[in-house]
Amino acid sequence: MIFVTAFIVGGIICVIGQILMDVMKLTPAHTMSTLVVSGAVLQGFGLYERLVDFAGAGATVPITSFGNSLVQGALAEANNYGIIGIITGIFEVTSAGISAAIIFSFMAALIFKPKG
C-alpha cells in the first residue's frame, strides 16, 4: 500500500505542475520555482513533514522536496548560528545535489552538442 500512496501523492504533485504549465501558461522555470516555493512554505508551516510521513518517496522525490530541504537546513542552522546559519544551512543541506547537477550538466555538454 505504501507504493500506491507514494505513486498517488507524487502523481498529484506532477499533475499540479502540469496544470500550472497548461492552464496557467507558466513557463517550466516558473512552474519549477512555484513548486520549490510551495515545498518551502509547507515546510515553514510544518506540513511537509506530515506529507513525507504519509507518502514517503511520493513526497521526497518531486521538486517540492528541494524547497523542503532548503527550509529544513536553514531552520536547523539558524537555531545554532543565528542569521548566518540561515545561509550556511541552505548550502549545507543542498550542496551535494547542486554540485551533482553542475558536474553532470558540464559532462553532458562535453559529450553532446548543446544548442543555444
N, C-alpha and C. Protein backbone atom coordinates (compact mmCIF):
# COMPACT_ATOMS: atom_id res chain seq x y z
N MET A 1 0.81 -1.20 0.00
CA MET A 1 0.00 0.00 0.00
C MET A 1 0.86 1.27 0.00
N ILE A 2 2.04 1.19 0.60
CA ILE A 2 2.91 2.36 0.65
C ILE A 2 3.34 2.81 -0.75
N PHE A 3 3.49 1.84 -1.67
CA PHE A 3 3.87 2.18 -3.04
C PHE A 3 2.74 2.92 -3.74
N VAL A 4 1.52 2.50 -3.50
CA VAL A 4 0.36 3.15 -4.11
C VAL A 4 0.23 4.58 -3.59
N THR A 5 0.39 4.76 -2.29
CA THR A 5 0.31 6.09 -1.70
C THR A 5 1.39 7.00 -2.26
N ALA A 6 2.61 6.50 -2.35
CA ALA A 6 3.72 7.29 -2.90
C ALA A 6 3.43 7.66 -4.35
N PHE A 7 2.92 6.70 -5.12
CA PHE A 7 2.61 6.95 -6.53
C PHE A 7 1.52 8.02 -6.67
N ILE A 8 0.49 7.91 -5.87
CA ILE A 8 -0.63 8.86 -5.97
C ILE A 8 -0.19 10.27 -5.56
N VAL A 9 0.50 10.39 -4.45
CA VAL A 9 0.93 11.73 -3.99
C VAL A 9 1.95 12.34 -4.96
N GLY A 10 2.94 11.55 -5.38
CA GLY A 10 3.90 12.05 -6.37
C GLY A 10 3.22 12.44 -7.67
N GLY A 11 2.23 11.65 -8.07
CA GLY A 11 1.47 11.96 -9.28
C GLY A 11 0.67 13.23 -9.15
N ILE A 12 0.09 13.45 -7.97
CA ILE A 12 -0.68 14.68 -7.75
C ILE A 12 0.23 15.90 -7.84
N ILE A 13 1.42 15.80 -7.28
CA ILE A 13 2.38 16.91 -7.36
C ILE A 13 2.73 17.18 -8.83
N CYS A 14 2.94 16.13 -9.59
CA CYS A 14 3.26 16.30 -11.02
C CYS A 14 2.07 16.87 -11.80
N VAL A 15 0.85 16.44 -11.45
CA VAL A 15 -0.34 16.97 -12.10
C VAL A 15 -0.48 18.45 -11.82
N ILE A 16 -0.19 18.85 -10.59
CA ILE A 16 -0.24 20.28 -10.25
C ILE A 16 0.74 21.06 -11.12
N GLY A 17 1.95 20.53 -11.28
CA GLY A 17 2.93 21.18 -12.14
C GLY A 17 2.46 21.26 -13.58
N GLN A 18 1.85 20.19 -14.08
CA GLN A 18 1.35 20.19 -15.46
C GLN A 18 0.21 21.18 -15.64
N ILE A 19 -0.66 21.28 -14.64
CA ILE A 19 -1.76 22.25 -14.71
C ILE A 19 -1.21 23.67 -14.72
N LEU A 20 -0.17 23.91 -13.92
CA LEU A 20 0.43 25.25 -13.92
C LEU A 20 0.96 25.62 -15.30
N MET A 21 1.52 24.64 -16.00
CA MET A 21 2.06 24.93 -17.34
C MET A 21 0.96 25.03 -18.40
N ASP A 22 -0.02 24.12 -18.35
CA ASP A 22 -1.03 24.08 -19.40
C ASP A 22 -2.14 25.10 -19.22
N VAL A 23 -2.67 25.22 -18.02
CA VAL A 23 -3.81 26.10 -17.78
C VAL A 23 -3.36 27.52 -17.45
N MET A 24 -2.37 27.63 -16.56
CA MET A 24 -1.91 28.95 -16.14
C MET A 24 -0.89 29.55 -17.12
N LYS A 25 -0.45 28.72 -18.07
CA LYS A 25 0.51 29.15 -19.10
C LYS A 25 1.85 29.62 -18.51
N LEU A 26 2.26 28.99 -17.40
CA LEU A 26 3.56 29.32 -16.82
C LEU A 26 4.66 28.58 -17.59
N THR A 27 5.82 29.18 -17.66
CA THR A 27 6.96 28.51 -18.28
C THR A 27 7.46 27.41 -17.35
N PRO A 28 8.23 26.46 -17.87
CA PRO A 28 8.78 25.42 -16.98
C PRO A 28 9.58 26.01 -15.81
N ALA A 29 10.32 27.08 -16.05
CA ALA A 29 11.10 27.70 -14.98
C ALA A 29 10.20 28.28 -13.90
N HIS A 30 9.11 28.94 -14.31
CA HIS A 30 8.17 29.49 -13.33
C HIS A 30 7.47 28.37 -12.57
N THR A 31 7.14 27.30 -13.27
CA THR A 31 6.48 26.17 -12.62
C THR A 31 7.40 25.53 -11.59
N MET A 32 8.65 25.33 -11.97
CA MET A 32 9.62 24.73 -11.04
C MET A 32 9.80 25.63 -9.82
N SER A 33 9.93 26.92 -10.03
CA SER A 33 10.10 27.85 -8.92
C SER A 33 8.87 27.84 -8.01
N THR A 34 7.70 27.78 -8.60
CA THR A 34 6.47 27.74 -7.82
C THR A 34 6.41 26.49 -6.95
N LEU A 35 6.80 25.34 -7.50
CA LEU A 35 6.77 24.11 -6.74
C LEU A 35 7.82 24.10 -5.62
N VAL A 36 9.01 24.66 -5.89
CA VAL A 36 10.04 24.75 -4.85
C VAL A 36 9.56 25.65 -3.72
N VAL A 37 9.00 26.79 -4.07
CA VAL A 37 8.50 27.72 -3.04
C VAL A 37 7.34 27.09 -2.27
N SER A 38 6.50 26.34 -2.96
CA SER A 38 5.39 25.66 -2.28
C SER A 38 5.91 24.66 -1.24
N GLY A 39 6.92 23.90 -1.61
CA GLY A 39 7.52 22.97 -0.66
C GLY A 39 8.15 23.70 0.52
N ALA A 40 8.78 24.84 0.24
CA ALA A 40 9.39 25.62 1.32
C ALA A 40 8.34 26.19 2.26
N VAL A 41 7.25 26.69 1.71
CA VAL A 41 6.18 27.26 2.53
C VAL A 41 5.53 26.17 3.38
N LEU A 42 5.27 25.01 2.77
CA LEU A 42 4.69 23.91 3.53
C LEU A 42 5.59 23.49 4.68
N GLN A 43 6.91 23.46 4.43
CA GLN A 43 7.86 23.11 5.50
C GLN A 43 7.88 24.20 6.57
N GLY A 44 7.77 25.45 6.15
CA GLY A 44 7.74 26.55 7.10
C GLY A 44 6.57 26.46 8.07
N PHE A 45 5.44 25.95 7.59
CA PHE A 45 4.27 25.75 8.45
C PHE A 45 4.27 24.39 9.12
N GLY A 46 5.29 23.58 8.86
CA GLY A 46 5.40 22.27 9.49
C GLY A 46 4.52 21.20 8.86
N LEU A 47 4.03 21.44 7.65
CA LEU A 47 3.12 20.50 7.00
C LEU A 47 3.84 19.49 6.10
N TYR A 48 5.02 19.85 5.60
CA TYR A 48 5.68 18.96 4.63
C TYR A 48 6.14 17.67 5.30
N GLU A 49 6.55 17.73 6.55
CA GLU A 49 6.97 16.51 7.25
C GLU A 49 5.81 15.54 7.38
N ARG A 50 4.61 16.05 7.61
CA ARG A 50 3.43 15.18 7.66
C ARG A 50 3.20 14.52 6.31
N LEU A 51 3.39 15.28 5.23
CA LEU A 51 3.24 14.73 3.89
C LEU A 51 4.28 13.64 3.63
N VAL A 52 5.52 13.86 4.06
CA VAL A 52 6.57 12.85 3.90
C VAL A 52 6.24 11.61 4.73
N ASP A 53 5.75 11.79 5.93
CA ASP A 53 5.36 10.64 6.76
C ASP A 53 4.25 9.84 6.10
N PHE A 54 3.33 10.52 5.43
CA PHE A 54 2.20 9.86 4.79
C PHE A 54 2.59 9.21 3.46
N ALA A 55 3.35 9.94 2.62
CA ALA A 55 3.59 9.50 1.24
C ALA A 55 4.99 8.95 0.99
N GLY A 56 5.92 9.11 1.90
CA GLY A 56 7.28 8.59 1.69
C GLY A 56 7.93 9.20 0.46
N ALA A 57 8.38 8.34 -0.45
CA ALA A 57 9.08 8.79 -1.65
C ALA A 57 8.20 9.63 -2.56
N GLY A 58 6.89 9.51 -2.43
CA GLY A 58 5.99 10.34 -3.23
C GLY A 58 6.12 11.81 -2.89
N ALA A 59 6.64 12.11 -1.71
CA ALA A 59 6.84 13.50 -1.31
C ALA A 59 8.31 13.89 -1.28
N THR A 60 9.22 12.92 -1.21
CA THR A 60 10.65 13.27 -1.13
C THR A 60 11.32 13.33 -2.48
N VAL A 61 10.74 12.75 -3.51
CA VAL A 61 11.37 12.74 -4.83
C VAL A 61 11.04 13.98 -5.67
N PRO A 62 9.80 14.48 -5.68
CA PRO A 62 9.49 15.64 -6.54
C PRO A 62 10.25 16.90 -6.14
N ILE A 63 10.18 17.90 -6.98
CA ILE A 63 10.93 19.14 -6.80
C ILE A 63 10.48 19.90 -5.54
N THR A 64 9.28 19.65 -5.06
CA THR A 64 8.83 20.32 -3.84
C THR A 64 9.70 19.95 -2.65
N SER A 65 10.31 18.77 -2.70
CA SER A 65 11.19 18.33 -1.62
C SER A 65 12.44 19.19 -1.53
N PHE A 66 12.87 19.79 -2.66
CA PHE A 66 14.03 20.68 -2.63
C PHE A 66 13.74 21.90 -1.78
N GLY A 67 12.56 22.48 -1.93
CA GLY A 67 12.16 23.61 -1.08
C GLY A 67 12.09 23.21 0.38
N ASN A 68 11.58 22.01 0.63
CA ASN A 68 11.53 21.47 1.98
C ASN A 68 12.94 21.38 2.56
N SER A 69 13.89 20.86 1.79
CA SER A 69 15.27 20.72 2.26
C SER A 69 15.91 22.07 2.55
N LEU A 70 15.64 23.06 1.71
CA LEU A 70 16.19 24.40 1.92
C LEU A 70 15.75 24.97 3.27
N VAL A 71 14.46 24.91 3.53
CA VAL A 71 13.94 25.47 4.78
C VAL A 71 14.40 24.65 5.98
N GLN A 72 14.39 23.33 5.84
CA GLN A 72 14.81 22.46 6.94
C GLN A 72 16.25 22.77 7.35
N GLY A 73 17.16 22.88 6.37
CA GLY A 73 18.55 23.20 6.66
C GLY A 73 18.72 24.58 7.26
N ALA A 74 17.97 25.55 6.71
CA ALA A 74 18.07 26.92 7.20
C ALA A 74 17.60 27.02 8.64
N LEU A 75 16.50 26.37 8.96
CA LEU A 75 15.98 26.44 10.33
C LEU A 75 16.89 25.73 11.32
N ALA A 76 17.45 24.60 10.92
CA ALA A 76 18.33 23.85 11.81
C ALA A 76 19.59 24.66 12.14
N GLU A 77 20.19 25.28 11.15
CA GLU A 77 21.40 26.06 11.39
C GLU A 77 21.10 27.41 12.02
N ALA A 78 19.91 27.96 11.79
CA ALA A 78 19.54 29.23 12.41
C ALA A 78 19.46 29.08 13.93
N ASN A 79 19.02 27.92 14.38
CA ASN A 79 18.97 27.67 15.82
C ASN A 79 20.36 27.66 16.44
N ASN A 80 21.36 27.20 15.67
CA ASN A 80 22.72 27.11 16.19
C ASN A 80 23.53 28.39 16.01
N TYR A 81 23.40 29.05 14.84
CA TYR A 81 24.29 30.15 14.50
C TYR A 81 23.59 31.47 14.18
N GLY A 82 22.30 31.55 14.34
CA GLY A 82 21.59 32.80 14.09
C GLY A 82 21.41 33.08 12.61
N ILE A 83 21.49 34.35 12.25
CA ILE A 83 21.24 34.79 10.88
C ILE A 83 22.22 34.14 9.90
N ILE A 84 23.47 34.06 10.23
CA ILE A 84 24.47 33.43 9.35
C ILE A 84 24.13 31.96 9.12
N GLY A 85 23.56 31.31 10.11
CA GLY A 85 23.18 29.91 9.99
C GLY A 85 22.12 29.66 8.93
N ILE A 86 21.29 30.66 8.66
CA ILE A 86 20.27 30.50 7.63
C ILE A 86 20.94 30.27 6.28
N ILE A 87 21.93 31.07 5.96
CA ILE A 87 22.62 30.95 4.67
C ILE A 87 23.45 29.67 4.62
N THR A 88 24.21 29.41 5.66
CA THR A 88 25.06 28.22 5.64
C THR A 88 24.23 26.94 5.68
N GLY A 89 23.09 26.97 6.35
CA GLY A 89 22.23 25.79 6.42
C GLY A 89 21.64 25.42 5.08
N ILE A 90 21.28 26.42 4.30
CA ILE A 90 20.74 26.16 2.96
C ILE A 90 21.77 25.44 2.11
N PHE A 91 23.00 25.92 2.13
CA PHE A 91 24.04 25.32 1.30
C PHE A 91 24.52 23.98 1.84
N GLU A 92 24.50 23.82 3.15
CA GLU A 92 24.98 22.57 3.75
C GLU A 92 24.09 21.39 3.36
N VAL A 93 22.80 21.60 3.36
CA VAL A 93 21.87 20.51 3.09
C VAL A 93 21.78 20.21 1.59
N THR A 94 21.86 21.21 0.75
CA THR A 94 21.59 21.02 -0.68
C THR A 94 22.84 21.01 -1.55
N SER A 95 24.01 21.17 -0.97
CA SER A 95 25.22 21.31 -1.79
C SER A 95 25.53 20.07 -2.63
N ALA A 96 25.26 18.89 -2.12
CA ALA A 96 25.55 17.67 -2.90
C ALA A 96 24.69 17.61 -4.16
N GLY A 97 23.41 17.92 -4.04
CA GLY A 97 22.53 17.89 -5.20
C GLY A 97 22.87 18.98 -6.21
N ILE A 98 23.17 20.16 -5.73
CA ILE A 98 23.53 21.26 -6.62
C ILE A 98 24.84 20.96 -7.33
N SER A 99 25.82 20.46 -6.59
CA SER A 99 27.12 20.11 -7.20
C SER A 99 26.96 19.02 -8.24
N ALA A 100 26.17 18.00 -7.95
CA ALA A 100 25.94 16.92 -8.91
C ALA A 100 25.29 17.46 -10.18
N ALA A 101 24.33 18.35 -10.04
CA ALA A 101 23.67 18.92 -11.21
C ALA A 101 24.66 19.70 -12.08
N ILE A 102 25.53 20.46 -11.46
CA ILE A 102 26.51 21.24 -12.21
C ILE A 102 27.51 20.32 -12.91
N ILE A 103 28.02 19.34 -12.19
CA ILE A 103 29.04 18.43 -12.75
C ILE A 103 28.46 17.61 -13.90
N PHE A 104 27.29 17.01 -13.71
CA PHE A 104 26.70 16.17 -14.75
C PHE A 104 26.25 17.00 -15.96
N SER A 105 25.80 18.23 -15.73
CA SER A 105 25.46 19.11 -16.85
C SER A 105 26.69 19.45 -17.67
N PHE A 106 27.79 19.72 -16.99
CA PHE A 106 29.03 20.03 -17.69
C PHE A 106 29.51 18.83 -18.50
N MET A 107 29.45 17.63 -17.90
CA MET A 107 29.88 16.43 -18.62
C MET A 107 28.98 16.16 -19.83
N ALA A 108 27.68 16.38 -19.69
CA ALA A 108 26.76 16.20 -20.81
C ALA A 108 27.06 17.20 -21.91
N ALA A 109 27.41 18.43 -21.53
CA ALA A 109 27.74 19.44 -22.54
C ALA A 109 29.03 19.09 -23.28
N LEU A 110 29.95 18.40 -22.62
CA LEU A 110 31.18 17.97 -23.29
C LEU A 110 30.92 16.83 -24.27
N ILE A 111 30.01 15.94 -23.92
CA ILE A 111 29.73 14.78 -24.76
C ILE A 111 28.78 15.12 -25.91
N PHE A 112 27.74 15.87 -25.62
CA PHE A 112 26.74 16.21 -26.64
C PHE A 112 26.93 17.65 -27.07
N LYS A 113 26.38 17.98 -28.21
CA LYS A 113 26.49 19.33 -28.74
C LYS A 113 25.30 20.17 -28.25
N PRO A 114 25.53 21.06 -27.26
CA PRO A 114 24.41 21.85 -26.76
C PRO A 114 23.97 22.91 -27.78
N LYS A 115 22.68 23.17 -27.79
CA LYS A 115 22.15 24.20 -28.66
C LYS A 115 21.94 25.47 -27.86
N GLY A 116 22.20 26.58 -28.48
CA GLY A 116 21.88 27.83 -27.80
C GLY A 116 23.06 28.58 -27.48
